[in-house]
Amino acid sequence: MLLLVSWQVAVDGPALELDRLVRHAVRELRHVLGSTPADRLGELFADLGEGSVAVPVLFLGGAVASWREFRAGRARWWLPLPVAALTAGLIPLLVVPAKIRFARPGPSGLPLTAEQWGWYPSGHTTTAALAYGVAALLVCRAAGPRARRVLAGAAALLWAGVGLGLVWREYHWLLDVVAGWCLGGLVLWALARWPLTCRPGRPGTRRPAAGG
């Protein structure tokens, strides 16, 4: 999906008509509704994609996960914190070069200025997907089944809400947001398959050799 969307953005392909249709539909709906709580809710969710909001949540998730892993006696209890730090550093590495490469104008239709990078992919969406998603994933590893469901649902709500809020407020095209979702999903998919911790056993303890 990410490759398809990126290709269409790069060549100004027919799939971009979807962006224009969605923008038109959003404008019509906002005109009908007028100034409503939906605008304020959209703005709120869009703001949750700010790095100043999402990244502290990411580090908090790493700290909570490390503490819970330590309490559970995991050998690599400290690992969630550097994972959170690496995730925070990965976000601009994924987003900024792509923005510069595609240099896509935003929904306003105005050309890019010299200091602008472009709108594709959405940095707010990618930040939300990775920050909230990785925070939830780290904490989920040391949580019970019910807490995992709650955390996963909350992360998904934030992930989706930020993207939809950006489209509703016309800060981004829909495909910018889709690309941000895809980037976040790929990283989360890879991280979910990486064993971050060992089974119970304080650092320095050794398991008995097989056979006694």
N, C-alpha and C. Protein backbone atom coordinates (compact mmCIF):
# COMPACT_ATOMS: atom_id res chain seq x y z
N MET A 1 0.82 -1.20 0.00
CA MET A 1 0.00 0.00 0.00
C MET A 1 0.86 1.27 0.00
N LEU A 2 1.89 1.29 0.85
CA LEU A 2 2.75 2.45 0.93
C LEU A 2 3.45 2.71 -0.40
N LEU A 3 3.94 1.65 -1.04
CA LEU A 3 4.61 1.82 -2.33
C LEU A 3 3.64 2.32 -3.39
N LEU A 4 2.43 1.80 -3.38
CA LEU A 4 1.42 2.22 -4.36
C LEU A 4 1.07 3.69 -4.17
N VAL A 5 0.82 4.09 -2.95
CA VAL A 5 0.45 5.48 -2.68
C VAL A 5 1.61 6.41 -3.03
N SER A 6 2.83 6.02 -2.66
CA SER A 6 4.00 6.86 -2.95
C SER A 6 4.20 7.01 -4.46
N TRP A 7 4.00 5.92 -5.18
CA TRP A 7 4.13 5.98 -6.64
C TRP A 7 3.10 6.94 -7.24
N GLN A 8 1.86 6.88 -6.76
CA GLN A 8 0.82 7.76 -7.27
C GLN A 8 1.12 9.23 -6.95
N VAL A 9 1.64 9.48 -5.77
CA VAL A 9 2.00 10.85 -5.42
C VAL A 9 3.16 11.34 -6.28
N ALA A 10 4.13 10.46 -6.52
CA ALA A 10 5.30 10.84 -7.30
C ALA A 10 4.95 11.19 -8.74
N VAL A 11 3.99 10.45 -9.33
CA VAL A 11 3.67 10.66 -10.75
C VAL A 11 2.38 11.45 -10.94
N ASP A 12 1.83 11.96 -9.82
CA ASP A 12 0.54 12.68 -9.88
C ASP A 12 -0.51 11.80 -10.56
N GLY A 13 -0.62 10.58 -10.08
CA GLY A 13 -1.48 9.58 -10.70
C GLY A 13 -2.96 9.77 -10.40
N PRO A 14 -3.79 8.93 -11.02
CA PRO A 14 -5.25 9.07 -10.85
C PRO A 14 -5.74 8.83 -9.43
N ALA A 15 -4.97 8.11 -8.61
CA ALA A 15 -5.41 7.88 -7.23
C ALA A 15 -5.51 9.16 -6.44
N LEU A 16 -4.82 10.21 -6.89
CA LEU A 16 -4.88 11.48 -6.17
C LEU A 16 -6.25 12.13 -6.29
N GLU A 17 -7.06 11.65 -7.23
CA GLU A 17 -8.43 12.16 -7.32
C GLU A 17 -9.20 11.86 -6.04
N LEU A 18 -8.85 10.75 -5.38
CA LEU A 18 -9.47 10.44 -4.10
C LEU A 18 -9.22 11.54 -3.09
N ASP A 19 -8.02 12.08 -3.07
CA ASP A 19 -7.71 13.20 -2.17
C ASP A 19 -8.63 14.38 -2.44
N ARG A 20 -8.79 14.70 -3.70
CA ARG A 20 -9.63 15.85 -4.04
C ARG A 20 -11.10 15.61 -3.72
N LEU A 21 -11.56 14.38 -3.92
CA LEU A 21 -12.94 14.05 -3.59
C LEU A 21 -13.18 14.14 -2.08
N VAL A 22 -12.23 13.63 -1.31
CA VAL A 22 -12.37 13.69 0.15
C VAL A 22 -12.32 15.13 0.63
N ARG A 23 -11.41 15.92 0.08
CA ARG A 23 -11.34 17.33 0.48
C ARG A 23 -12.64 18.05 0.18
N HIS A 24 -13.21 17.78 -0.99
CA HIS A 24 -14.48 18.42 -1.35
C HIS A 24 -15.60 17.98 -0.41
N ALA A 25 -15.64 16.68 -0.10
CA ALA A 25 -16.68 16.17 0.79
C ALA A 25 -16.55 16.76 2.19
N VAL A 26 -15.31 16.88 2.67
CA VAL A 26 -15.09 17.46 3.99
C VAL A 26 -15.52 18.92 4.01
N ARG A 27 -15.20 19.66 2.98
CA ARG A 27 -15.59 21.07 2.93
C ARG A 27 -17.10 21.22 2.91
N GLU A 28 -17.77 20.36 2.13
CA GLU A 28 -19.23 20.42 2.07
C GLU A 28 -19.84 20.10 3.43
N LEU A 29 -19.33 19.09 4.08
CA LEU A 29 -19.87 18.69 5.38
C LEU A 29 -19.61 19.76 6.43
N ARG A 30 -18.43 20.34 6.42
CA ARG A 30 -18.14 21.40 7.39
C ARG A 30 -19.01 22.62 7.14
N HIS A 31 -19.32 22.89 5.86
CA HIS A 31 -20.20 24.02 5.53
C HIS A 31 -21.61 23.77 6.06
N VAL A 32 -22.08 22.54 5.92
CA VAL A 32 -23.42 22.20 6.39
C VAL A 32 -23.49 22.27 7.91
N LEU A 33 -22.47 21.73 8.57
CA LEU A 33 -22.47 21.69 10.03
C LEU A 33 -22.15 23.03 10.66
N GLY A 34 -21.42 23.87 9.93
CA GLY A 34 -21.01 25.15 10.49
C GLY A 34 -19.94 24.96 11.56
N SER A 35 -19.84 25.92 12.48
CA SER A 35 -18.88 25.81 13.57
C SER A 35 -19.46 24.89 14.63
N THR A 36 -18.89 23.70 14.74
CA THR A 36 -19.45 22.67 15.61
C THR A 36 -18.36 22.08 16.49
N PRO A 37 -18.76 21.28 17.48
CA PRO A 37 -17.76 20.56 18.27
C PRO A 37 -16.89 19.65 17.44
N ALA A 38 -17.38 19.26 16.24
CA ALA A 38 -16.56 18.40 15.38
C ALA A 38 -15.27 19.10 14.97
N ASP A 39 -15.33 20.41 14.74
CA ASP A 39 -14.13 21.16 14.40
C ASP A 39 -13.15 21.18 15.58
N ARG A 40 -13.68 21.40 16.76
CA ARG A 40 -12.81 21.44 17.94
C ARG A 40 -12.22 20.06 18.22
N LEU A 41 -13.03 19.02 18.02
CA LEU A 41 -12.52 17.66 18.23
C LEU A 41 -11.45 17.33 17.20
N GLY A 42 -11.68 17.74 15.94
CA GLY A 42 -10.68 17.51 14.91
C GLY A 42 -9.38 18.21 15.22
N GLU A 43 -9.48 19.44 15.72
CA GLU A 43 -8.28 20.20 16.08
C GLU A 43 -7.55 19.54 17.24
N LEU A 44 -8.32 19.05 18.21
CA LEU A 44 -7.72 18.38 19.37
C LEU A 44 -6.94 17.15 18.93
N PHE A 45 -7.56 16.32 18.11
CA PHE A 45 -6.88 15.11 17.66
C PHE A 45 -5.66 15.45 16.80
N ALA A 46 -5.78 16.46 15.95
CA ALA A 46 -4.64 16.86 15.12
C ALA A 46 -3.47 17.29 16.00
N ASP A 47 -3.76 18.02 17.08
CA ASP A 47 -2.71 18.48 17.98
C ASP A 47 -2.03 17.33 18.72
N LEU A 48 -2.74 16.21 18.88
CA LEU A 48 -2.14 15.06 19.55
C LEU A 48 -1.03 14.41 18.72
N GLY A 49 -0.91 14.81 17.47
CA GLY A 49 0.19 14.33 16.63
C GLY A 49 1.44 15.17 16.75
N GLU A 50 1.38 16.24 17.54
CA GLU A 50 2.57 17.07 17.76
C GLU A 50 3.63 16.27 18.53
N GLY A 51 4.89 16.42 18.13
CA GLY A 51 5.96 15.73 18.83
C GLY A 51 6.05 16.12 20.29
N SER A 52 5.72 17.38 20.60
CA SER A 52 5.80 17.84 21.98
C SER A 52 4.76 17.15 22.87
N VAL A 53 3.73 16.57 22.27
CA VAL A 53 2.71 15.84 23.02
C VAL A 53 2.97 14.34 22.98
N ALA A 54 3.20 13.81 21.77
CA ALA A 54 3.28 12.36 21.59
C ALA A 54 4.59 11.76 22.09
N VAL A 55 5.70 12.44 21.86
CA VAL A 55 6.99 11.86 22.24
C VAL A 55 7.14 11.70 23.76
N PRO A 56 6.70 12.66 24.58
CA PRO A 56 6.73 12.40 26.03
C PRO A 56 5.90 11.17 26.43
N VAL A 57 4.78 10.94 25.75
CA VAL A 57 3.98 9.74 26.03
C VAL A 57 4.78 8.49 25.67
N LEU A 58 5.52 8.56 24.59
CA LEU A 58 6.37 7.44 24.19
C LEU A 58 7.40 7.12 25.27
N PHE A 59 8.08 8.14 25.79
CA PHE A 59 9.08 7.91 26.84
C PHE A 59 8.43 7.46 28.14
N LEU A 60 7.25 7.98 28.43
CA LEU A 60 6.54 7.52 29.61
C LEU A 60 6.19 6.04 29.49
N GLY A 61 5.75 5.64 28.29
CA GLY A 61 5.47 4.22 28.06
C GLY A 61 6.70 3.36 28.23
N GLY A 62 7.84 3.85 27.74
CA GLY A 62 9.08 3.10 27.92
C GLY A 62 9.48 2.98 29.37
N ALA A 63 9.29 4.07 30.13
CA ALA A 63 9.64 4.04 31.56
C ALA A 63 8.72 3.10 32.33
N VAL A 64 7.42 3.15 32.04
CA VAL A 64 6.47 2.26 32.71
C VAL A 64 6.78 0.80 32.37
N ALA A 65 7.07 0.55 31.09
CA ALA A 65 7.39 -0.82 30.68
C ALA A 65 8.65 -1.33 31.37
N SER A 66 9.69 -0.49 31.45
CA SER A 66 10.92 -0.90 32.12
C SER A 66 10.68 -1.21 33.59
N TRP A 67 9.89 -0.36 34.25
CA TRP A 67 9.60 -0.59 35.66
C TRP A 67 8.84 -1.90 35.87
N ARG A 68 7.86 -2.14 35.01
CA ARG A 68 7.09 -3.38 35.15
C ARG A 68 7.95 -4.60 34.84
N GLU A 69 8.83 -4.48 33.86
CA GLU A 69 9.73 -5.59 33.54
C GLU A 69 10.70 -5.84 34.69
N PHE A 70 11.17 -4.77 35.31
CA PHE A 70 12.07 -4.92 36.47
C PHE A 70 11.35 -5.62 37.62
N ARG A 71 10.11 -5.19 37.88
CA ARG A 71 9.34 -5.80 38.95
C ARG A 71 9.07 -7.28 38.67
N ALA A 72 8.96 -7.63 37.38
CA ALA A 72 8.70 -9.03 37.01
C ALA A 72 9.97 -9.86 36.98
N GLY A 73 11.13 -9.22 37.16
CA GLY A 73 12.38 -9.96 37.19
C GLY A 73 12.95 -10.29 35.83
N ARG A 74 12.60 -9.50 34.82
CA ARG A 74 13.14 -9.75 33.48
C ARG A 74 14.61 -9.36 33.42
N ALA A 75 15.38 -10.12 32.64
CA ALA A 75 16.81 -9.87 32.56
C ALA A 75 17.13 -8.57 31.82
N ARG A 76 16.38 -8.29 30.77
CA ARG A 76 16.62 -7.06 29.99
C ARG A 76 15.52 -6.05 30.29
N TRP A 77 15.28 -5.79 31.55
CA TRP A 77 14.20 -4.90 31.97
C TRP A 77 14.40 -3.47 31.48
N TRP A 78 15.64 -3.08 31.24
CA TRP A 78 15.96 -1.71 30.88
C TRP A 78 15.74 -1.41 29.39
N LEU A 79 15.51 -2.44 28.58
CA LEU A 79 15.51 -2.27 27.12
C LEU A 79 14.38 -1.38 26.58
N PRO A 80 13.18 -1.36 27.18
CA PRO A 80 12.14 -0.48 26.62
C PRO A 80 12.53 0.99 26.53
N LEU A 81 13.37 1.48 27.43
CA LEU A 81 13.76 2.90 27.37
C LEU A 81 14.58 3.24 26.13
N PRO A 82 15.65 2.48 25.81
CA PRO A 82 16.35 2.78 24.56
C PRO A 82 15.50 2.52 23.32
N VAL A 83 14.58 1.57 23.39
CA VAL A 83 13.66 1.36 22.26
C VAL A 83 12.81 2.61 22.05
N ALA A 84 12.32 3.21 23.13
CA ALA A 84 11.54 4.44 23.02
C ALA A 84 12.39 5.56 22.43
N ALA A 85 13.65 5.67 22.88
CA ALA A 85 14.53 6.71 22.37
C ALA A 85 14.83 6.51 20.88
N LEU A 86 15.08 5.27 20.49
CA LEU A 86 15.34 4.99 19.08
C LEU A 86 14.12 5.27 18.22
N THR A 87 12.94 4.97 18.74
CA THR A 87 11.71 5.26 18.01
C THR A 87 11.55 6.76 17.79
N ALA A 88 11.81 7.54 18.84
CA ALA A 88 11.71 8.99 18.72
C ALA A 88 12.68 9.52 17.66
N GLY A 89 13.88 8.95 17.61
CA GLY A 89 14.85 9.37 16.61
C GLY A 89 14.52 8.89 15.22
N LEU A 90 13.79 7.77 15.13
CA LEU A 90 13.44 7.21 13.83
C LEU A 90 12.40 8.04 13.10
N ILE A 91 11.52 8.70 13.84
CA ILE A 91 10.41 9.42 13.21
C ILE A 91 10.89 10.45 12.19
N PRO A 92 11.78 11.38 12.56
CA PRO A 92 12.23 12.34 11.53
C PRO A 92 13.03 11.68 10.41
N LEU A 93 13.72 10.59 10.70
CA LEU A 93 14.48 9.90 9.65
C LEU A 93 13.56 9.29 8.60
N LEU A 94 12.37 8.88 9.01
CA LEU A 94 11.40 8.33 8.08
C LEU A 94 10.66 9.42 7.31
N VAL A 95 10.37 10.52 7.99
CA VAL A 95 9.46 11.51 7.45
C VAL A 95 10.15 12.60 6.64
N VAL A 96 11.19 13.18 7.21
CA VAL A 96 11.79 14.38 6.58
C VAL A 96 12.35 14.11 5.19
N PRO A 97 13.16 13.04 4.97
CA PRO A 97 13.65 12.80 3.61
C PRO A 97 12.52 12.59 2.60
N ALA A 98 11.45 11.90 3.03
CA ALA A 98 10.32 11.68 2.11
C ALA A 98 9.61 12.99 1.78
N LYS A 99 9.44 13.85 2.77
CA LYS A 99 8.82 15.14 2.51
C LYS A 99 9.62 15.95 1.50
N ILE A 100 10.94 15.93 1.67
CA ILE A 100 11.81 16.67 0.75
C ILE A 100 11.76 16.06 -0.64
N ARG A 101 11.77 14.73 -0.69
CA ARG A 101 11.78 14.03 -1.99
C ARG A 101 10.49 14.28 -2.77
N PHE A 102 9.34 14.15 -2.12
CA PHE A 102 8.07 14.27 -2.84
C PHE A 102 7.63 15.73 -3.00
N ALA A 103 7.99 16.57 -2.03
CA ALA A 103 7.69 18.02 -2.09
C ALA A 103 6.25 18.27 -2.53
N ARG A 104 5.33 17.61 -1.88
CA ARG A 104 3.92 17.72 -2.26
C ARG A 104 3.26 18.91 -1.60
N PRO A 105 2.57 19.76 -2.36
CA PRO A 105 1.82 20.87 -1.75
C PRO A 105 0.66 20.33 -0.91
N GLY A 106 0.21 21.15 0.03
CA GLY A 106 -0.87 20.75 0.92
C GLY A 106 -2.24 20.99 0.31
N PRO A 107 -3.29 20.69 1.06
CA PRO A 107 -4.66 20.83 0.56
C PRO A 107 -5.06 22.26 0.21
N SER A 108 -4.34 23.23 0.74
CA SER A 108 -4.67 24.62 0.41
C SER A 108 -4.40 24.93 -1.06
N GLY A 109 -3.54 24.13 -1.69
CA GLY A 109 -3.21 24.35 -3.10
C GLY A 109 -2.10 25.35 -3.32
N LEU A 110 -1.59 25.96 -2.27
CA LEU A 110 -0.51 26.94 -2.42
C LEU A 110 0.80 26.23 -2.70
N PRO A 111 1.66 26.80 -3.54
CA PRO A 111 2.97 26.17 -3.80
C PRO A 111 3.85 26.23 -2.56
N LEU A 112 4.80 25.30 -2.51
CA LEU A 112 5.72 25.26 -1.38
C LEU A 112 6.64 26.47 -1.39
N THR A 113 6.93 26.96 -0.20
CA THR A 113 7.93 28.02 -0.08
C THR A 113 9.30 27.38 0.11
N ALA A 114 10.33 28.21 0.10
CA ALA A 114 11.70 27.68 0.16
C ALA A 114 11.97 26.94 1.46
N GLU A 115 11.31 27.32 2.55
CA GLU A 115 11.59 26.69 3.84
C GLU A 115 10.65 25.51 4.15
N GLN A 116 9.74 25.19 3.25
CA GLN A 116 8.82 24.08 3.48
C GLN A 116 9.35 22.79 2.86
N TRP A 117 9.08 21.68 3.55
CA TRP A 117 9.53 20.37 3.07
C TRP A 117 8.50 19.69 2.18
N GLY A 118 7.25 19.94 2.39
CA GLY A 118 6.19 19.23 1.69
C GLY A 118 5.29 18.51 2.68
N TRP A 119 4.18 18.02 2.17
CA TRP A 119 3.14 17.46 3.04
C TRP A 119 3.12 15.93 3.06
N TYR A 120 3.82 15.29 2.16
CA TYR A 120 3.76 13.83 2.08
C TYR A 120 5.08 13.22 2.54
N PRO A 121 5.02 12.26 3.48
CA PRO A 121 3.85 11.79 4.25
C PRO A 121 3.56 12.70 5.42
N SER A 122 2.45 12.46 6.09
CA SER A 122 2.08 13.28 7.24
C SER A 122 2.98 12.99 8.43
N GLY A 123 3.70 13.99 8.88
CA GLY A 123 4.57 13.81 10.04
C GLY A 123 3.78 13.63 11.33
N HIS A 124 2.67 14.37 11.47
CA HIS A 124 1.85 14.23 12.67
C HIS A 124 1.28 12.82 12.77
N THR A 125 0.81 12.28 11.63
CA THR A 125 0.24 10.93 11.65
C THR A 125 1.31 9.90 11.98
N THR A 126 2.47 10.02 11.37
CA THR A 126 3.56 9.08 11.65
C THR A 126 4.00 9.17 13.09
N THR A 127 4.10 10.39 13.61
CA THR A 127 4.49 10.58 15.01
C THR A 127 3.49 9.92 15.94
N ALA A 128 2.20 10.14 15.68
CA ALA A 128 1.16 9.54 16.53
C ALA A 128 1.19 8.02 16.45
N ALA A 129 1.31 7.50 15.23
CA ALA A 129 1.30 6.04 15.06
C ALA A 129 2.46 5.39 15.80
N LEU A 130 3.64 5.98 15.67
CA LEU A 130 4.82 5.38 16.30
C LEU A 130 4.88 5.67 17.80
N ALA A 131 4.62 6.89 18.20
CA ALA A 131 4.73 7.23 19.62
C ALA A 131 3.70 6.48 20.45
N TYR A 132 2.44 6.61 20.09
CA TYR A 132 1.40 5.96 20.88
C TYR A 132 1.40 4.44 20.66
N GLY A 133 1.68 4.03 19.43
CA GLY A 133 1.70 2.60 19.15
C GLY A 133 2.83 1.87 19.86
N VAL A 134 4.04 2.43 19.79
CA VAL A 134 5.19 1.79 20.45
C VAL A 134 5.04 1.86 21.97
N ALA A 135 4.55 2.97 22.50
CA ALA A 135 4.32 3.06 23.95
C ALA A 135 3.37 1.97 24.41
N ALA A 136 2.28 1.79 23.67
CA ALA A 136 1.32 0.75 24.03
C ALA A 136 1.93 -0.64 23.89
N LEU A 137 2.71 -0.85 22.83
CA LEU A 137 3.32 -2.15 22.61
C LEU A 137 4.31 -2.49 23.72
N LEU A 138 5.10 -1.53 24.15
CA LEU A 138 6.06 -1.78 25.22
C LEU A 138 5.37 -2.12 26.53
N VAL A 139 4.34 -1.34 26.87
CA VAL A 139 3.63 -1.60 28.12
C VAL A 139 2.85 -2.91 28.04
N CYS A 140 2.31 -3.22 26.85
CA CYS A 140 1.52 -4.44 26.68
C CYS A 140 2.33 -5.70 26.98
N ARG A 141 3.62 -5.67 26.74
CA ARG A 141 4.44 -6.86 26.95
C ARG A 141 4.48 -7.27 28.41
N ALA A 142 4.22 -6.34 29.30
CA ALA A 142 4.27 -6.66 30.73
C ALA A 142 2.89 -6.51 31.38
N ALA A 143 1.84 -6.48 30.55
CA ALA A 143 0.48 -6.29 31.07
C ALA A 143 -0.35 -7.55 30.86
N GLY A 144 -1.46 -7.60 31.56
CA GLY A 144 -2.38 -8.71 31.41
C GLY A 144 -3.23 -8.58 30.16
N PRO A 145 -4.01 -9.62 29.83
CA PRO A 145 -4.82 -9.60 28.60
C PRO A 145 -5.81 -8.44 28.53
N ARG A 146 -6.47 -8.16 29.64
CA ARG A 146 -7.46 -7.08 29.63
C ARG A 146 -6.79 -5.73 29.41
N ALA A 147 -5.68 -5.49 30.11
CA ALA A 147 -4.96 -4.23 29.93
C ALA A 147 -4.42 -4.11 28.51
N ARG A 148 -4.00 -5.22 27.93
CA ARG A 148 -3.51 -5.18 26.55
C ARG A 148 -4.60 -4.72 25.59
N ARG A 149 -5.80 -5.22 25.78
CA ARG A 149 -6.90 -4.81 24.91
C ARG A 149 -7.20 -3.32 25.05
N VAL A 150 -7.17 -2.84 26.29
CA VAL A 150 -7.43 -1.41 26.52
C VAL A 150 -6.34 -0.56 25.88
N LEU A 151 -5.09 -0.94 26.09
CA LEU A 151 -3.97 -0.17 25.54
C LEU A 151 -3.99 -0.19 24.02
N ALA A 152 -4.23 -1.36 23.45
CA ALA A 152 -4.27 -1.45 21.99
C ALA A 152 -5.41 -0.62 21.42
N GLY A 153 -6.57 -0.65 22.09
CA GLY A 153 -7.70 0.15 21.62
C GLY A 153 -7.43 1.65 21.72
N ALA A 154 -6.81 2.07 22.82
CA ALA A 154 -6.50 3.49 23.00
C ALA A 154 -5.49 3.97 21.96
N ALA A 155 -4.46 3.15 21.71
CA ALA A 155 -3.46 3.53 20.71
C ALA A 155 -4.08 3.61 19.32
N ALA A 156 -4.95 2.65 19.00
CA ALA A 156 -5.61 2.66 17.68
C ALA A 156 -6.51 3.88 17.54
N LEU A 157 -7.21 4.24 18.61
CA LEU A 157 -8.07 5.43 18.57
C LEU A 157 -7.25 6.69 18.32
N LEU A 158 -6.13 6.82 19.01
CA LEU A 158 -5.28 7.99 18.82
C LEU A 158 -4.67 8.00 17.43
N TRP A 159 -4.21 6.81 16.99
CA TRP A 159 -3.61 6.67 15.68
C TRP A 159 -4.59 7.12 14.60
N ALA A 160 -5.81 6.61 14.66
CA ALA A 160 -6.81 6.96 13.66
C ALA A 160 -7.30 8.39 13.83
N GLY A 161 -7.50 8.80 15.10
CA GLY A 161 -8.05 10.11 15.36
C GLY A 161 -7.17 11.25 14.88
N VAL A 162 -5.86 11.11 15.07
CA VAL A 162 -4.95 12.16 14.61
C VAL A 162 -5.04 12.30 13.09
N GLY A 163 -5.00 11.19 12.38
CA GLY A 163 -5.08 11.25 10.92
C GLY A 163 -6.39 11.85 10.42
N LEU A 164 -7.50 11.41 11.00
CA LEU A 164 -8.80 11.93 10.58
C LEU A 164 -8.95 13.40 10.96
N GLY A 165 -8.40 13.77 12.12
CA GLY A 165 -8.45 15.18 12.51
C GLY A 165 -7.68 16.07 11.54
N LEU A 166 -6.56 15.59 11.06
CA LEU A 166 -5.76 16.35 10.09
C LEU A 166 -6.52 16.53 8.77
N VAL A 167 -7.22 15.48 8.35
CA VAL A 167 -8.01 15.57 7.11
C VAL A 167 -9.21 16.49 7.32
N TRP A 168 -9.87 16.36 8.47
CA TRP A 168 -11.04 17.19 8.75
C TRP A 168 -10.70 18.68 8.78
N ARG A 169 -9.54 18.99 9.35
CA ARG A 169 -9.12 20.39 9.43
C ARG A 169 -8.37 20.85 8.18
N GLU A 170 -8.26 19.95 7.22
CA GLU A 170 -7.57 20.24 5.94
C GLU A 170 -6.11 20.63 6.14
N TYR A 171 -5.48 20.01 7.10
CA TYR A 171 -4.05 20.19 7.28
C TYR A 171 -3.26 19.22 6.40
N HIS A 172 -3.92 18.14 5.97
CA HIS A 172 -3.26 17.13 5.14
C HIS A 172 -4.26 16.51 4.18
N TRP A 173 -3.73 16.03 3.06
CA TRP A 173 -4.50 15.18 2.16
C TRP A 173 -4.70 13.81 2.83
N LEU A 174 -5.73 13.11 2.37
CA LEU A 174 -5.99 11.77 2.92
C LEU A 174 -4.81 10.84 2.67
N LEU A 175 -4.22 10.87 1.48
CA LEU A 175 -3.13 9.95 1.17
C LEU A 175 -1.86 10.28 1.97
N ASP A 176 -1.69 11.53 2.36
CA ASP A 176 -0.58 11.86 3.28
C ASP A 176 -0.75 11.09 4.58
N VAL A 177 -1.99 11.07 5.06
CA VAL A 177 -2.31 10.38 6.31
C VAL A 177 -2.16 8.87 6.15
N VAL A 178 -2.65 8.34 5.03
CA VAL A 178 -2.53 6.90 4.78
C VAL A 178 -1.06 6.48 4.80
N ALA A 179 -0.20 7.29 4.20
CA ALA A 179 1.23 6.98 4.21
C ALA A 179 1.79 6.97 5.63
N GLY A 180 1.35 7.92 6.45
CA GLY A 180 1.79 7.94 7.86
C GLY A 180 1.32 6.71 8.61
N TRP A 181 0.08 6.30 8.35
CA TRP A 181 -0.41 5.06 8.97
C TRP A 181 0.43 3.86 8.55
N CYS A 182 0.75 3.81 7.26
CA CYS A 182 1.53 2.68 6.74
C CYS A 182 2.93 2.64 7.35
N LEU A 183 3.58 3.79 7.43
CA LEU A 183 4.92 3.83 8.04
C LEU A 183 4.88 3.36 9.48
N GLY A 184 3.91 3.86 10.23
CA GLY A 184 3.79 3.44 11.62
C GLY A 184 3.48 1.96 11.73
N GLY A 185 2.61 1.47 10.87
CA GLY A 185 2.25 0.06 10.90
C GLY A 185 3.42 -0.86 10.60
N LEU A 186 4.25 -0.47 9.65
CA LEU A 186 5.42 -1.30 9.32
C LEU A 186 6.39 -1.40 10.49
N VAL A 187 6.65 -0.28 11.13
CA VAL A 187 7.57 -0.29 12.28
C VAL A 187 6.98 -1.11 13.42
N LEU A 188 5.70 -0.94 13.71
CA LEU A 188 5.07 -1.69 14.79
C LEU A 188 5.04 -3.19 14.48
N TRP A 189 4.80 -3.52 13.23
CA TRP A 189 4.79 -4.93 12.83
C TRP A 189 6.16 -5.57 13.08
N ALA A 190 7.23 -4.83 12.73
CA ALA A 190 8.58 -5.36 12.94
C ALA A 190 8.90 -5.44 14.43
N LEU A 191 8.54 -4.40 15.18
CA LEU A 191 8.87 -4.37 16.60
C LEU A 191 8.11 -5.43 17.37
N ALA A 192 6.88 -5.71 16.97
CA ALA A 192 6.07 -6.71 17.67
C ALA A 192 6.67 -8.10 17.57
N ARG A 193 7.52 -8.32 16.57
CA ARG A 193 8.14 -9.63 16.38
C ARG A 193 9.55 -9.72 16.95
N TRP A 194 9.97 -8.66 17.62
CA TRP A 194 11.32 -8.63 18.17
C TRP A 194 11.24 -8.87 19.67
N PRO A 195 11.87 -9.94 20.20
CA PRO A 195 11.80 -10.19 21.65
C PRO A 195 12.62 -9.16 22.42
N LEU A 196 11.92 -8.34 23.19
CA LEU A 196 12.59 -7.27 23.92
C LEU A 196 13.10 -7.70 25.28
N THR A 197 12.54 -8.77 25.81
CA THR A 197 12.90 -9.14 27.17
C THR A 197 13.16 -10.63 27.27
N CYS A 198 13.86 -10.99 28.31
CA CYS A 198 14.05 -12.40 28.64
C CYS A 198 13.03 -12.81 29.69
N ARG A 199 12.92 -14.07 29.92
CA ARG A 199 12.04 -14.58 30.95
C ARG A 199 12.58 -14.23 32.33
N PRO A 200 11.78 -14.38 33.36
CA PRO A 200 12.21 -13.96 34.70
C PRO A 200 13.60 -14.46 35.07
N GLY A 201 14.34 -13.56 35.70
CA GLY A 201 15.70 -13.87 36.12
C GLY A 201 16.47 -12.59 36.22
N ARG A 202 16.86 -12.20 37.40
CA ARG A 202 17.56 -10.94 37.58
C ARG A 202 18.89 -10.94 36.83
N PRO A 203 19.35 -9.77 36.38
CA PRO A 203 20.66 -9.71 35.75
C PRO A 203 21.72 -10.33 36.64
N GLY A 204 22.54 -11.16 36.04
CA GLY A 204 23.62 -11.80 36.79
C GLY A 204 23.28 -13.20 37.21
N THR A 205 21.98 -13.60 37.15
CA THR A 205 21.61 -14.96 37.49
C THR A 205 21.76 -15.82 36.26
N ARG A 206 22.07 -17.06 36.47
CA ARG A 206 22.27 -17.96 35.35
C ARG A 206 21.36 -19.16 35.50
N ARG A 207 20.83 -19.60 34.38
CA ARG A 207 20.01 -20.78 34.40
C ARG A 207 20.88 -22.01 34.51
N PRO A 208 20.38 -23.03 35.18
CA PRO A 208 21.19 -24.27 35.25
C PRO A 208 21.31 -24.88 33.88
N ALA A 209 22.46 -25.54 33.65
CA ALA A 209 22.70 -26.17 32.37
C ALA A 209 21.71 -27.31 32.17
N ALA A 210 21.44 -27.62 30.90
CA ALA A 210 20.50 -28.70 30.59
C ALA A 210 21.02 -30.01 31.18
N GLY A 211 20.11 -30.77 31.75
CA GLY A 211 20.47 -32.04 32.33
C GLY A 211 21.01 -31.91 33.74
N GLY A 212 20.89 -30.72 34.36
CA GLY A 212 21.31 -30.55 35.74
C GLY A 212 22.60 -29.79 35.82
